[in-house]
Amino acid sequence: MNRDRSSLAGKSILVTRAIDQAQATAAKIRERGGEALFLPCLEIECLAENIQKSLPILEDSGVDVLFTSRNAVACVASVLGADFAEVVGTHRVAAIGSKTARSLNSYGIEPEPLPQQASQEGLIEAYQQRELPERLLFFRAEEGSGLLQQALSSQGCEVITLFAYRMNCPESDTSDTVEKLKNGAIDGVLLGSPKTVENYIQRIGCIETADTPAIAVISPQVAIAAEDAGLSVQAVAKAASFDAMLDALADYFNKSGA
């Protein structure tokens, strides 16, 4: 009898997302019959002083605004408070990814353009199909690619980058997770970014122990980061989403008989 290729029945999966995002992924694991375990490897720190610097820039009605993650939306909204929707919503606001767009929607802001491909490359293409902004205020994480800024700057757009948040490595106790890994009680681990890979290995403290479960990653770029760090990647998502990562992990278990 063929097993459901989306099933994670009987599998214990380690979720490494930030605490405020982990529960949604855990619910998806449970829907597939698996058990979700938690080891937060990212902790969001909003950079309030940087965000405050955006206020004089937002007084220019000709500036476009860009968010590339819901973390950036949440941090900017938390700093600007009740003024967020009024101050930001008067501009043309672009977003990368449906979750970022939905986060903006919750404040009454409808992003445009919203690229079909949820990536910086997709946004560049979307802008090229429309009128490029003369000035763009880009709220982003402290770490990340400079591809978008370089590409738009080369086409005459002034890109003002403001770091809205950074991702830190949590310092909570990991002994229970390490023990489970050593005992083979964790079947798979989900890694959603190069920073998560780095912090996961740091939190476990031993590359051999960290490499014990099946390693599932959200993109080929994260796979490269994981393998460069010494992990063996078994599952790579076909799209940049946690649903797709769980599909890839379930498919690996199904094919390997693990």
C-alpha atoms as a PDB file:
ATOM      1  CA  MET A   1       0.000   0.000   0.000  1.00  0.00           C
ATOM      2  CA  ASN A   2       1.397   3.412  -0.990  1.00  0.00           C
ATOM      3  CA  ARG A   3       1.964   5.923   1.762  1.00  0.00           C
ATOM      4  CA  ASP A   4       0.650   9.471   1.429  1.00  0.00           C
ATOM      5  CA  ARG A   5       3.631  11.396   0.104  1.00  0.00           C
ATOM      6  CA  SER A   6       2.627  14.461   2.129  1.00  0.00           C
ATOM      7  CA  SER A   7       2.427  12.487   5.383  1.00  0.00           C
ATOM      8  CA  LEU A   8       4.830  12.848   8.289  1.00  0.00           C
ATOM      9  CA  ALA A   9       3.059  10.213  10.364  1.00  0.00           C
ATOM     10  CA  GLY A  10       5.147   9.088  13.311  1.00  0.00           C
ATOM     11  CA  LYS A  11       7.935  11.568  12.610  1.00  0.00           C
ATOM     12  CA  SER A  12       9.337  14.072  15.106  1.00  0.00           C
ATOM     13  CA  ILE A  13      10.245  17.311  13.334  1.00  0.00           C
ATOM     14  CA  LEU A  14      12.350  20.077  14.867  1.00  0.00           C
ATOM     15  CA  VAL A  15      11.062  23.593  14.149  1.00  0.00           C
ATOM     16  CA  THR A  16      13.793  26.241  14.294  1.00  0.00           C
ATOM     17  CA  ARG A  17      11.747  29.352  13.476  1.00  0.00           C
ATOM     18  CA  ALA A  18      11.370  32.339  15.794  1.00  0.00           C
ATOM     19  CA  ILE A  19       8.869  31.697  18.595  1.00  0.00           C
ATOM     20  CA  ASP A  20       6.124  33.921  17.164  1.00  0.00           C
ATOM     21  CA  GLN A  21       6.231  32.047  13.834  1.00  0.00           C
ATOM     22  CA  ALA A  22       6.872  28.485  15.001  1.00  0.00           C
ATOM     23  CA  GLN A  23       3.308  27.585  15.977  1.00  0.00           C
ATOM     24  CA  ALA A  24       1.977  27.970  12.435  1.00  0.00           C
ATOM     25  CA  THR A  25       4.590  25.521  11.142  1.00  0.00           C
ATOM     26  CA  ALA A  26       3.943  23.161  14.068  1.00  0.00           C
ATOM     27  CA  ALA A  27       0.243  23.071  13.172  1.00  0.00           C
ATOM     28  CA  LYS A  28       1.110  22.029   9.617  1.00  0.00           C
ATOM     29  CA  ILE A  29       3.326  19.224  10.938  1.00  0.00           C
ATOM     30  CA  ARG A  30       0.514  17.952  13.170  1.00  0.00           C
ATOM     31  CA  GLU A  31      -1.926  18.071  10.241  1.00  0.00           C
ATOM     32  CA  ARG A  32       0.410  15.653   8.465  1.00  0.00           C
ATOM     33  CA  GLY A  33       0.508  13.301  11.461  1.00  0.00           C
ATOM     34  CA  GLY A  34       3.905  14.341  12.806  1.00  0.00           C
ATOM     35  CA  GLU A  35       5.093  15.661  16.158  1.00  0.00           C
ATOM     36  CA  ALA A  36       6.516  19.180  16.300  1.00  0.00           C
ATOM     37  CA  LEU A  37       9.454  19.928  18.584  1.00  0.00           C
ATOM     38  CA  PHE A  38      10.867  23.406  19.105  1.00  0.00           C
ATOM     39  CA  LEU A  39      14.344  24.900  19.076  1.00  0.00           C
ATOM     40  CA  PRO A  40      14.066  28.612  18.194  1.00  0.00           C
ATOM     41  CA  CYS A  41      17.205  29.583  16.295  1.00  0.00           C
ATOM     42  CA  LEU A  42      16.165  33.132  15.473  1.00  0.00           C
ATOM     43  CA  GLU A  43      15.127  35.985  17.724  1.00  0.00           C
ATOM     44  CA  ILE A  44      13.862  39.226  16.207  1.00  0.00           C
ATOM     45  CA  GLU A  45      15.266  42.507  17.495  1.00  0.00           C
ATOM     46  CA  CYS A  46      13.535  45.614  16.141  1.00  0.00           C
ATOM     47  CA  LEU A  47      15.965  48.478  15.479  1.00  0.00           C
ATOM     48  CA  ALA A  48      13.866  51.387  16.720  1.00  0.00           C
ATOM     49  CA  GLU A  49      16.492  54.108  16.239  1.00  0.00           C
ATOM     50  CA  ASN A  50      16.949  53.159  12.587  1.00  0.00           C
ATOM     51  CA  ILE A  51      13.202  53.089  11.976  1.00  0.00           C
ATOM     52  CA  GLN A  52      12.775  56.545  13.519  1.00  0.00           C
ATOM     53  CA  LYS A  53      15.179  57.851  10.866  1.00  0.00           C
ATOM     54  CA  SER A  54      12.570  57.013   8.231  1.00  0.00           C
ATOM     55  CA  LEU A  55      10.155  59.741   9.364  1.00  0.00           C
ATOM     56  CA  PRO A  56      11.853  62.684   7.565  1.00  0.00           C
ATOM     57  CA  ILE A  57      12.176  60.534   4.427  1.00  0.00           C
ATOM     58  CA  LEU A  58       8.472  59.610   4.532  1.00  0.00           C
ATOM     59  CA  GLU A  59       7.601  63.309   4.433  1.00  0.00           C
ATOM     60  CA  ASP A  60       8.590  63.188   0.750  1.00  0.00           C
ATOM     61  CA  SER A  61       5.428  62.216  -1.135  1.00  0.00           C
ATOM     62  CA  GLY A  62       7.545  61.053  -4.076  1.00  0.00           C
ATOM     63  CA  VAL A  63       9.275  58.216  -2.258  1.00  0.00           C
ATOM     64  CA  ASP A  64       8.135  54.602  -2.686  1.00  0.00           C
ATOM     65  CA  VAL A  65       8.334  52.161   0.227  1.00  0.00           C
ATOM     66  CA  LEU A  66       9.412  48.521   0.114  1.00  0.00           C
ATOM     67  CA  PHE A  67       9.004  45.702   2.627  1.00  0.00           C
ATOM     68  CA  THR A  68      10.511  42.276   1.969  1.00  0.00           C
ATOM     69  CA  SER A  69       9.240  40.474   5.073  1.00  0.00           C
ATOM     70  CA  ARG A  70       6.423  40.587   7.588  1.00  0.00           C
ATOM     71  CA  ASN A  71       9.102  40.982  10.279  1.00  0.00           C
ATOM     72  CA  ALA A  72       9.989  44.352   8.769  1.00  0.00           C
ATOM     73  CA  VAL A  73       6.318  45.340   8.640  1.00  0.00           C
ATOM     74  CA  ALA A  74       5.799  44.327  12.280  1.00  0.00           C
ATOM     75  CA  CYS A  75       8.881  46.204  13.496  1.00  0.00           C
ATOM     76  CA  VAL A  76       8.133  49.400  11.604  1.00  0.00           C
ATOM     77  CA  ALA A  77       4.502  49.271  12.746  1.00  0.00           C
ATOM     78  CA  SER A  78       5.525  48.723  16.363  1.00  0.00           C
ATOM     79  CA  VAL A  79       7.834  51.747  16.307  1.00  0.00           C
ATOM     80  CA  LEU A  80       5.537  54.114  14.393  1.00  0.00           C
ATOM     81  CA  GLY A  81       2.494  52.934  16.335  1.00  0.00           C
ATOM     82  CA  ALA A  82      -0.886  54.390  15.384  1.00  0.00           C
ATOM     83  CA  ASP A  83       0.763  56.563  12.718  1.00  0.00           C
ATOM     84  CA  PHE A  84       2.019  53.573  10.703  1.00  0.00           C
ATOM     85  CA  ALA A  85      -0.922  53.165   8.324  1.00  0.00           C
ATOM     86  CA  GLU A  86      -1.322  56.903   7.757  1.00  0.00           C
ATOM     87  CA  VAL A  87       2.362  57.683   7.304  1.00  0.00           C
ATOM     88  CA  VAL A  88       3.285  54.654   5.178  1.00  0.00           C
ATOM     89  CA  GLY A  89      -0.043  54.114   3.417  1.00  0.00           C
ATOM     90  CA  THR A  90       0.094  57.475   1.614  1.00  0.00           C
ATOM     91  CA  HIS A  91       2.985  56.130  -0.476  1.00  0.00           C
ATOM     92  CA  ARG A  92       3.163  53.479  -3.176  1.00  0.00           C
ATOM     93  CA  VAL A  93       4.157  50.442  -1.153  1.00  0.00           C
ATOM     94  CA  ALA A  94       5.737  47.333  -2.661  1.00  0.00           C
ATOM     95  CA  ALA A  95       6.014  43.940  -0.980  1.00  0.00           C
ATOM     96  CA  ILE A  96       7.785  40.665  -1.608  1.00  0.00           C
ATOM     97  CA  GLY A  97       5.779  37.578  -0.725  1.00  0.00           C
ATOM     98  CA  SER A  98       2.122  36.958   0.073  1.00  0.00           C
ATOM     99  CA  LYS A  99       2.738  36.910   3.839  1.00  0.00           C
ATOM    100  CA  THR A 100       4.342  40.345   3.687  1.00  0.00           C
ATOM    101  CA  ALA A 101       1.391  41.563   1.634  1.00  0.00           C
ATOM    102  CA  ARG A 102      -1.136  40.125   4.097  1.00  0.00           C
ATOM    103  CA  SER A 103       0.709  41.781   6.966  1.00  0.00           C
ATOM    104  CA  LEU A 104       0.394  45.139   5.188  1.00  0.00           C
ATOM    105  CA  ASN A 105      -3.263  44.388   4.384  1.00  0.00           C
ATOM    106  CA  SER A 106      -3.944  44.033   8.104  1.00  0.00           C
ATOM    107  CA  TYR A 107      -3.083  47.737   8.433  1.00  0.00           C
ATOM    108  CA  GLY A 108      -5.241  48.696   5.475  1.00  0.00           C
ATOM    109  CA  ILE A 109      -2.305  48.997   3.067  1.00  0.00           C
ATOM    110  CA  GLU A 110      -2.588  47.390  -0.381  1.00  0.00           C
ATOM    111  CA  PRO A 111       0.903  46.800  -1.807  1.00  0.00           C
ATOM    112  CA  GLU A 112       1.654  47.418  -5.464  1.00  0.00           C
ATOM    113  CA  PRO A 113       3.654  46.100  -7.161  1.00  0.00           C
ATOM    114  CA  LEU A 114       3.411  42.593  -5.719  1.00  0.00           C
ATOM    115  CA  PRO A 115       5.732  40.424  -7.841  1.00  0.00           C
ATOM    116  CA  GLN A 116       4.577  37.020  -9.062  1.00  0.00           C
ATOM    117  CA  GLN A 117       7.927  35.566  -8.019  1.00  0.00           C
ATOM    118  CA  ALA A 118       8.422  36.137  -4.278  1.00  0.00           C
ATOM    119  CA  SER A 119      12.028  37.289  -4.477  1.00  0.00           C
ATOM    120  CA  GLN A 120      14.128  40.386  -5.000  1.00  0.00           C
ATOM    121  CA  GLU A 121      14.619  39.273  -8.609  1.00  0.00           C
ATOM    122  CA  GLY A 122      10.841  39.089  -9.018  1.00  0.00           C
ATOM    123  CA  LEU A 123      10.429  42.615  -7.676  1.00  0.00           C
ATOM    124  CA  ILE A 124      13.066  43.954 -10.044  1.00  0.00           C
ATOM    125  CA  GLU A 125      11.120  42.423 -12.929  1.00  0.00           C
ATOM    126  CA  ALA A 126       7.826  43.831 -11.596  1.00  0.00           C
ATOM    127  CA  TYR A 127       9.328  47.317 -11.336  1.00  0.00           C
ATOM    128  CA  GLN A 128      10.756  47.042 -14.847  1.00  0.00           C
ATOM    129  CA  GLN A 129       7.242  46.341 -16.168  1.00  0.00           C
ATOM    130  CA  ARG A 130       5.981  49.500 -14.455  1.00  0.00           C
ATOM    131  CA  GLU A 131       7.400  52.921 -13.765  1.00  0.00           C
ATOM    132  CA  LEU A 132      10.521  52.754 -11.654  1.00  0.00           C
ATOM    133  CA  PRO A 133      10.432  54.973  -8.560  1.00  0.00           C
ATOM    134  CA  GLU A 134      12.854  57.881  -8.384  1.00  0.00           C
ATOM    135  CA  ARG A 135      13.405  57.199  -4.668  1.00  0.00           C
ATOM    136  CA  LEU A 136      12.762  53.999  -2.758  1.00  0.00           C
ATOM    137  CA  LEU A 137      12.796  53.561   1.025  1.00  0.00           C
ATOM    138  CA  PHE A 138      13.730  49.924   1.660  1.00  0.00           C
ATOM    139  CA  PHE A 139      12.966  48.468   5.113  1.00  0.00           C
ATOM    140  CA  ARG A 140      14.891  45.210   5.507  1.00  0.00           C
ATOM    141  CA  ALA A 141      16.809  42.932   7.811  1.00  0.00           C
ATOM    142  CA  GLU A 142      20.330  43.855   8.835  1.00  0.00           C
ATOM    143  CA  GLU A 143      21.634  40.814   6.976  1.00  0.00           C
ATOM    144  CA  GLY A 144      20.732  39.955   3.410  1.00  0.00           C
ATOM    145  CA  SER A 145      21.535  40.403  -0.253  1.00  0.00           C
ATOM    146  CA  GLY A 146      22.292  43.786  -1.765  1.00  0.00           C
ATOM    147  CA  LEU A 147      21.120  42.632  -5.196  1.00  0.00           C
ATOM    148  CA  LEU A 148      17.943  44.724  -5.250  1.00  0.00           C
ATOM    149  CA  GLN A 149      19.639  47.957  -4.226  1.00  0.00           C
ATOM    150  CA  GLN A 150      22.393  47.446  -6.795  1.00  0.00           C
ATOM    151  CA  ALA A 151      19.971  46.616  -9.605  1.00  0.00           C
ATOM    152  CA  LEU A 152      17.632  49.557  -8.981  1.00  0.00           C
ATOM    153  CA  SER A 153      20.481  52.002  -8.362  1.00  0.00           C
ATOM    154  CA  SER A 154      22.006  51.026 -11.716  1.00  0.00           C
ATOM    155  CA  GLN A 155      18.715  52.085 -13.363  1.00  0.00           C
ATOM    156  CA  GLY A 156      18.714  55.513 -11.758  1.00  0.00           C
ATOM    157  CA  CYS A 157      16.601  54.823  -8.699  1.00  0.00           C
ATOM    158  CA  GLU A 158      17.853  56.246  -5.416  1.00  0.00           C
ATOM    159  CA  VAL A 159      17.532  53.418  -2.878  1.00  0.00           C
ATOM    160  CA  ILE A 160      17.550  54.383   0.796  1.00  0.00           C
ATOM    161  CA  THR A 161      18.112  51.267   2.879  1.00  0.00           C
ATOM    162  CA  LEU A 162      17.041  51.209   6.520  1.00  0.00           C
ATOM    163  CA  PHE A 163      17.708  48.171   8.668  1.00  0.00           C
ATOM    164  CA  ALA A 164      14.425  47.613  10.522  1.00  0.00           C
ATOM    165  CA  TYR A 165      15.493  44.528  12.465  1.00  0.00           C
ATOM    166  CA  ARG A 166      18.206  41.980  13.064  1.00  0.00           C
ATOM    167  CA  MET A 167      17.968  38.266  13.742  1.00  0.00           C
ATOM    168  CA  ASN A 168      19.819  37.208  16.889  1.00  0.00           C
ATOM    169  CA  CYS A 169      20.647  33.747  18.179  1.00  0.00           C
ATOM    170  CA  PRO A 170      18.562  32.828  21.264  1.00  0.00           C
ATOM    171  CA  GLU A 171      20.392  31.756  24.409  1.00  0.00           C
ATOM    172  CA  SER A 172      17.837  29.425  26.039  1.00  0.00           C
ATOM    173  CA  ASP A 173      18.852  25.963  27.253  1.00  0.00           C
ATOM    174  CA  THR A 174      19.274  23.364  24.483  1.00  0.00           C
ATOM    175  CA  SER A 175      20.226  20.283  26.538  1.00  0.00           C
ATOM    176  CA  ASP A 176      16.901  18.491  26.007  1.00  0.00           C
ATOM    177  CA  THR A 177      17.088  18.927  22.222  1.00  0.00           C
ATOM    178  CA  VAL A 178      20.731  17.828  22.115  1.00  0.00           C
ATOM    179  CA  GLU A 179      19.872  14.701  24.101  1.00  0.00           C
ATOM    180  CA  LYS A 180      16.997  13.872  21.748  1.00  0.00           C
ATOM    181  CA  LEU A 181      19.281  14.293  18.743  1.00  0.00           C
ATOM    182  CA  LYS A 182      21.909  12.008  20.252  1.00  0.00           C
ATOM    183  CA  ASN A 183      19.255   9.391  20.981  1.00  0.00           C
ATOM    184  CA  GLY A 184      17.810   9.527  17.468  1.00  0.00           C
ATOM    185  CA  ALA A 185      14.501  10.873  18.759  1.00  0.00           C
ATOM    186  CA  ILE A 186      14.317  13.657  16.157  1.00  0.00           C
ATOM    187  CA  ASP A 187      13.691  12.562  12.567  1.00  0.00           C
ATOM    188  CA  GLY A 188      13.999  15.851  10.722  1.00  0.00           C
ATOM    189  CA  VAL A 189      14.884  19.509  11.145  1.00  0.00           C
ATOM    190  CA  LEU A 190      13.600  22.496   9.147  1.00  0.00           C
ATOM    191  CA  LEU A 191      16.075  25.239   8.197  1.00  0.00           C
ATOM    192  CA  GLY A 192      14.646  28.331   6.525  1.00  0.00           C
ATOM    193  CA  SER A 193      17.645  30.630   6.000  1.00  0.00           C
ATOM    194  CA  PRO A 194      21.455  30.688   6.057  1.00  0.00           C
ATOM    195  CA  LYS A 195      21.261  32.513   9.404  1.00  0.00           C
ATOM    196  CA  THR A 196      19.101  29.713  10.806  1.00  0.00           C
ATOM    197  CA  VAL A 197      21.672  27.172   9.630  1.00  0.00           C
ATOM    198  CA  GLU A 198      24.443  29.077  11.400  1.00  0.00           C
ATOM    199  CA  ASN A 199      22.478  29.471  14.634  1.00  0.00           C
ATOM    200  CA  TYR A 200      21.202  25.881  14.621  1.00  0.00           C
ATOM    201  CA  ILE A 201      24.751  24.534  14.524  1.00  0.00           C
ATOM    202  CA  GLN A 202      25.830  27.048  17.170  1.00  0.00           C
ATOM    203  CA  ARG A 203      22.957  26.094  19.465  1.00  0.00           C
ATOM    204  CA  ILE A 204      23.595  22.345  19.142  1.00  0.00           C
ATOM    205  CA  GLY A 205      27.327  22.849  19.639  1.00  0.00           C
ATOM    206  CA  CYS A 206      28.474  19.813  17.628  1.00  0.00           C
ATOM    207  CA  ILE A 207      28.201  19.431  13.858  1.00  0.00           C
ATOM    208  CA  GLU A 208      27.921  15.628  14.061  1.00  0.00           C
ATOM    209  CA  THR A 209      24.975  15.859  16.459  1.00  0.00           C
ATOM    210  CA  ALA A 210      23.346  18.646  14.419  1.00  0.00           C
ATOM    211  CA  ASP A 211      23.632  16.425  11.318  1.00  0.00           C
ATOM    212  CA  THR A 212      21.852  13.455  12.946  1.00  0.00           C
ATOM    213  CA  PRO A 213      18.301  14.058  11.610  1.00  0.00           C
ATOM    214  CA  ALA A 214      17.220  14.514   7.997  1.00  0.00           C
ATOM    215  CA  ILE A 215      17.998  18.107   7.041  1.00  0.00           C
ATOM    216  CA  ALA A 216      15.254  19.947   5.133  1.00  0.00           C
ATOM    217  CA  VAL A 217      15.907  23.422   3.686  1.00  0.00           C
ATOM    218  CA  ILE A 218      13.697  26.028   2.052  1.00  0.00           C
ATOM    219  CA  SER A 219      15.796  26.771  -1.050  1.00  0.00           C
ATOM    220  CA  PRO A 220      18.891  25.736  -3.012  1.00  0.00           C
ATOM    221  CA  GLN A 221      20.709  28.765  -1.552  1.00  0.00           C
ATOM    222  CA  VAL A 222      20.054  27.528   1.982  1.00  0.00           C
ATOM    223  CA  ALA A 223      21.153  24.040   0.899  1.00  0.00           C
ATOM    224  CA  ILE A 224      24.505  25.482  -0.172  1.00  0.00           C
ATOM    225  CA  ALA A 225      24.884  27.287   3.167  1.00  0.00           C
ATOM    226  CA  ALA A 226      24.018  24.120   5.084  1.00  0.00           C
ATOM    227  CA  GLU A 227      26.395  21.915   3.124  1.00  0.00           C
ATOM    228  CA  ASP A 228      29.188  24.492   3.354  1.00  0.00           C
ATOM    229  CA  ALA A 229      28.677  24.428   7.137  1.00  0.00           C
ATOM    230  CA  GLY A 230      29.053  20.639   7.224  1.00  0.00           C
ATOM    231  CA  LEU A 231      25.438  19.435   7.184  1.00  0.00           C
ATOM    232  CA  SER A 232      24.090  16.767   4.832  1.00  0.00           C
ATOM    233  CA  VAL A 233      20.925  18.037   3.140  1.00  0.00           C
ATOM    234  CA  GLN A 234      18.285  15.428   2.369  1.00  0.00           C
ATOM    235  CA  ALA A 235      15.330  17.582   1.277  1.00  0.00           C
ATOM    236  CA  VAL A 236      15.145  20.876  -0.633  1.00  0.00           C
ATOM    237  CA  ALA A 237      11.791  22.652  -1.048  1.00  0.00           C
ATOM    238  CA  LYS A 238      10.608  23.143  -4.636  1.00  0.00           C
ATOM    239  CA  ALA A 239       9.211  26.561  -3.670  1.00  0.00           C
ATOM    240  CA  ALA A 240      10.290  29.010  -0.972  1.00  0.00           C
ATOM    241  CA  SER A 241       7.684  28.053   1.640  1.00  0.00           C
ATOM    242  CA  PHE A 242       7.462  25.912   4.752  1.00  0.00           C
ATOM    243  CA  ASP A 243       4.630  23.906   3.159  1.00  0.00           C
ATOM    244  CA  ALA A 244       6.938  23.030   0.276  1.00  0.00           C
ATOM    245  CA  MET A 245       9.737  22.182   2.710  1.00  0.00           C
ATOM    246  CA  LEU A 246       7.431  19.776   4.560  1.00  0.00           C
ATOM    247  CA  ASP A 247       6.413  18.248   1.211  1.00  0.00           C
ATOM    248  CA  ALA A 248      10.076  17.689   0.364  1.00  0.00           C
ATOM    249  CA  LEU A 249      10.801  16.155   3.755  1.00  0.00           C
ATOM    250  CA  ALA A 250       7.774  13.833   3.559  1.00  0.00           C
ATOM    251  CA  ASP A 251       8.845  12.818   0.056  1.00  0.00           C
ATOM    252  CA  TYR A 252      12.336  12.016   1.328  1.00  0.00           C
ATOM    253  CA  PHE A 253      10.977   9.824   4.128  1.00  0.00           C
ATOM    254  CA  ASN A 254       8.623   8.098   1.685  1.00  0.00           C
ATOM    255  CA  LYS A 255      11.329   7.336  -0.877  1.00  0.00           C
ATOM    256  CA  SER A 256      13.995   6.326   1.634  1.00  0.00           C
ATOM    257  CA  GLY A 257      11.693   4.223   3.775  1.00  0.00           C
ATOM    258  CA  ALA A 258      13.097   6.034   6.802  1.00  0.00           C
END
